[in-house]
Amino acid sequence: MGVWTLVKAFSGRLESVMESLTDALPPYRTARGILDAKETCNDGKFYIHVADSRVEVDEATCQTLEIGEMLKVRYTRGDRAINIDRYLPQNDVE
């Protein structure tokens, strides 16, 4: 293995670590609305669509959530879900 190959490998790993750290830092985004769709990609990743946002979730979360639920999703810059809250819209009480 040449020096150039080692430098490229190290550089790639360092870039990956920096992207992960940057993704984990605030500010986070928030989407509020109805769960419009769920999606499974060929690479094994799972996504939900809420308020025109496509957010990556784990398999268990994707299977648990139902289309039509009202959600508040907080997610990273890399569109990975941090937390998901279900909620009921408030009706006007007269």
C-alpha atoms as a PDB file:
ATOM      1  CA  MET A   1       0.000   0.000   0.000  1.00  0.00           C
ATOM      2  CA  GLY A   2       1.406   3.341  -1.032  1.00  0.00           C
ATOM      3  CA  VAL A   3       1.524   6.492   1.023  1.00  0.00           C
ATOM      4  CA  TRP A   4      -0.987   8.162  -1.296  1.00  0.00           C
ATOM      5  CA  THR A   5      -3.503   5.342  -0.725  1.00  0.00           C
ATOM      6  CA  LEU A   6      -3.130   5.666   3.051  1.00  0.00           C
ATOM      7  CA  VAL A   7      -3.586   9.443   2.902  1.00  0.00           C
ATOM      8  CA  LYS A   8      -6.750   9.057   0.785  1.00  0.00           C
ATOM      9  CA  ALA A   9      -8.162   6.425   3.174  1.00  0.00           C
ATOM     10  CA  PHE A  10      -7.445   8.584   6.234  1.00  0.00           C
ATOM     11  CA  SER A  11      -8.885  11.652   4.531  1.00  0.00           C
ATOM     12  CA  GLY A  12     -12.094   9.782   3.677  1.00  0.00           C
ATOM     13  CA  ARG A  13     -12.531   8.585   7.249  1.00  0.00           C
ATOM     14  CA  LEU A  14     -11.857  12.038   8.664  1.00  0.00           C
ATOM     15  CA  GLU A  15     -14.412  13.562   6.295  1.00  0.00           C
ATOM     16  CA  SER A  16     -17.001  10.980   7.355  1.00  0.00           C
ATOM     17  CA  VAL A  17     -16.415  11.718  11.053  1.00  0.00           C
ATOM     18  CA  MET A  18     -16.687  15.463  10.472  1.00  0.00           C
ATOM     19  CA  GLU A  19     -19.968  15.046   8.542  1.00  0.00           C
ATOM     20  CA  SER A  20     -21.415  12.929  11.374  1.00  0.00           C
ATOM     21  CA  LEU A  21     -20.402  15.472  14.012  1.00  0.00           C
ATOM     22  CA  THR A  22     -21.751  18.391  11.997  1.00  0.00           C
ATOM     23  CA  ASP A  23     -25.043  16.556  11.459  1.00  0.00           C
ATOM     24  CA  ALA A  24     -25.439  15.977  15.188  1.00  0.00           C
ATOM     25  CA  LEU A  25     -25.017  19.631  16.161  1.00  0.00           C
ATOM     26  CA  PRO A  26     -27.890  22.125  16.455  1.00  0.00           C
ATOM     27  CA  PRO A  27     -29.766  23.886  15.005  1.00  0.00           C
ATOM     28  CA  TYR A  28     -32.300  21.152  14.407  1.00  0.00           C
ATOM     29  CA  ARG A  29     -35.266  21.371  12.080  1.00  0.00           C
ATOM     30  CA  THR A  30     -38.891  20.702  12.993  1.00  0.00           C
ATOM     31  CA  ALA A  31     -41.741  19.426  10.827  1.00  0.00           C
ATOM     32  CA  ARG A  32     -45.332  19.494  12.098  1.00  0.00           C
ATOM     33  CA  GLY A  33     -48.212  17.927  10.247  1.00  0.00           C
ATOM     34  CA  ILE A  34     -49.824  14.783   8.961  1.00  0.00           C
ATOM     35  CA  LEU A  35     -47.720  11.739   8.111  1.00  0.00           C
ATOM     36  CA  ASP A  36     -48.260  11.712   4.354  1.00  0.00           C
ATOM     37  CA  ALA A  37     -46.214   8.666   3.322  1.00  0.00           C
ATOM     38  CA  LYS A  38     -43.698   6.047   4.393  1.00  0.00           C
ATOM     39  CA  GLU A  39     -40.895   4.898   2.138  1.00  0.00           C
ATOM     40  CA  THR A  40     -38.395   2.032   2.112  1.00  0.00           C
ATOM     41  CA  CYS A  41     -35.353   2.378  -0.126  1.00  0.00           C
ATOM     42  CA  ASN A  42     -33.317  -0.368  -1.766  1.00  0.00           C
ATOM     43  CA  ASP A  43     -30.338   0.477   0.455  1.00  0.00           C
ATOM     44  CA  GLY A  44     -32.346  -0.479   3.575  1.00  0.00           C
ATOM     45  CA  LYS A  45     -33.130   3.035   4.781  1.00  0.00           C
ATOM     46  CA  PHE A  46     -36.607   4.059   5.923  1.00  0.00           C
ATOM     47  CA  TYR A  47     -38.193   7.490   5.452  1.00  0.00           C
ATOM     48  CA  ILE A  48     -41.355   9.280   6.491  1.00  0.00           C
ATOM     49  CA  HIS A  49     -42.877  12.314   4.775  1.00  0.00           C
ATOM     50  CA  VAL A  50     -44.292  15.026   7.051  1.00  0.00           C
ATOM     51  CA  ALA A  51     -45.093  18.599   5.991  1.00  0.00           C
ATOM     52  CA  ASP A  52     -43.053  18.421   2.781  1.00  0.00           C
ATOM     53  CA  SER A  53     -40.048  16.997   4.668  1.00  0.00           C
ATOM     54  CA  ARG A  54     -38.473  13.596   4.024  1.00  0.00           C
ATOM     55  CA  VAL A  55     -36.940  12.310   7.270  1.00  0.00           C
ATOM     56  CA  GLU A  56     -34.912   9.140   7.816  1.00  0.00           C
ATOM     57  CA  VAL A  57     -36.147   6.868  10.630  1.00  0.00           C
ATOM     58  CA  ASP A  58     -35.340   3.375  11.833  1.00  0.00           C
ATOM     59  CA  GLU A  59     -37.315   0.321  10.747  1.00  0.00           C
ATOM     60  CA  ALA A  60     -39.247  -0.064  14.015  1.00  0.00           C
ATOM     61  CA  THR A  61     -40.387   3.561  13.926  1.00  0.00           C
ATOM     62  CA  CYS A  62     -41.437   3.279  10.305  1.00  0.00           C
ATOM     63  CA  GLN A  63     -43.539   0.198  11.074  1.00  0.00           C
ATOM     64  CA  THR A  64     -45.094   1.750  14.198  1.00  0.00           C
ATOM     65  CA  LEU A  65     -46.284   5.022  12.671  1.00  0.00           C
ATOM     66  CA  GLU A  66     -49.515   5.117  10.682  1.00  0.00           C
ATOM     67  CA  ILE A  67     -50.226   7.298   7.670  1.00  0.00           C
ATOM     68  CA  GLY A  68     -52.576  10.119   8.653  1.00  0.00           C
ATOM     69  CA  GLU A  69     -51.197  10.590  12.185  1.00  0.00           C
ATOM     70  CA  MET A  70     -50.424  14.121  13.335  1.00  0.00           C
ATOM     71  CA  LEU A  71     -46.715  14.334  14.131  1.00  0.00           C
ATOM     72  CA  LYS A  72     -44.080  16.749  15.298  1.00  0.00           C
ATOM     73  CA  VAL A  73     -40.680  15.573  14.060  1.00  0.00           C
ATOM     74  CA  ARG A  74     -37.378  17.098  15.114  1.00  0.00           C
ATOM     75  CA  TYR A  75     -34.537  16.136  12.790  1.00  0.00           C
ATOM     76  CA  THR A  76     -30.909  16.888  11.982  1.00  0.00           C
ATOM     77  CA  ARG A  77     -29.364  18.770   9.078  1.00  0.00           C
ATOM     78  CA  GLY A  78     -28.845  15.369   7.454  1.00  0.00           C
ATOM     79  CA  ASP A  79     -32.600  14.690   7.675  1.00  0.00           C
ATOM     80  CA  ARG A  80     -32.345  12.018  10.397  1.00  0.00           C
ATOM     81  CA  ALA A  81     -35.090  11.939  13.018  1.00  0.00           C
ATOM     82  CA  ILE A  82     -34.114  12.849  16.584  1.00  0.00           C
ATOM     83  CA  ASN A  83     -37.541  12.551  18.167  1.00  0.00           C
ATOM     84  CA  ILE A  84     -41.111  12.137  17.002  1.00  0.00           C
ATOM     85  CA  ASP A  85     -44.150  13.244  18.980  1.00  0.00           C
ATOM     86  CA  ARG A  86     -47.703  12.268  18.170  1.00  0.00           C
ATOM     87  CA  TYR A  87     -50.293  14.893  18.950  1.00  0.00           C
ATOM     88  CA  LEU A  88     -53.942  15.731  18.534  1.00  0.00           C
ATOM     89  CA  PRO A  89     -54.895  19.053  16.974  1.00  0.00           C
ATOM     90  CA  GLN A  90     -56.649  21.376  19.428  1.00  0.00           C
ATOM     91  CA  ASN A  91     -60.280  22.134  18.675  1.00  0.00           C
ATOM     92  CA  ASP A  92     -61.763  25.482  19.519  1.00  0.00           C
ATOM     93  CA  VAL A  93     -63.802  25.138  22.693  1.00  0.00           C
ATOM     94  CA  GLU A  94     -66.813  27.414  22.921  1.00  0.00           C
END
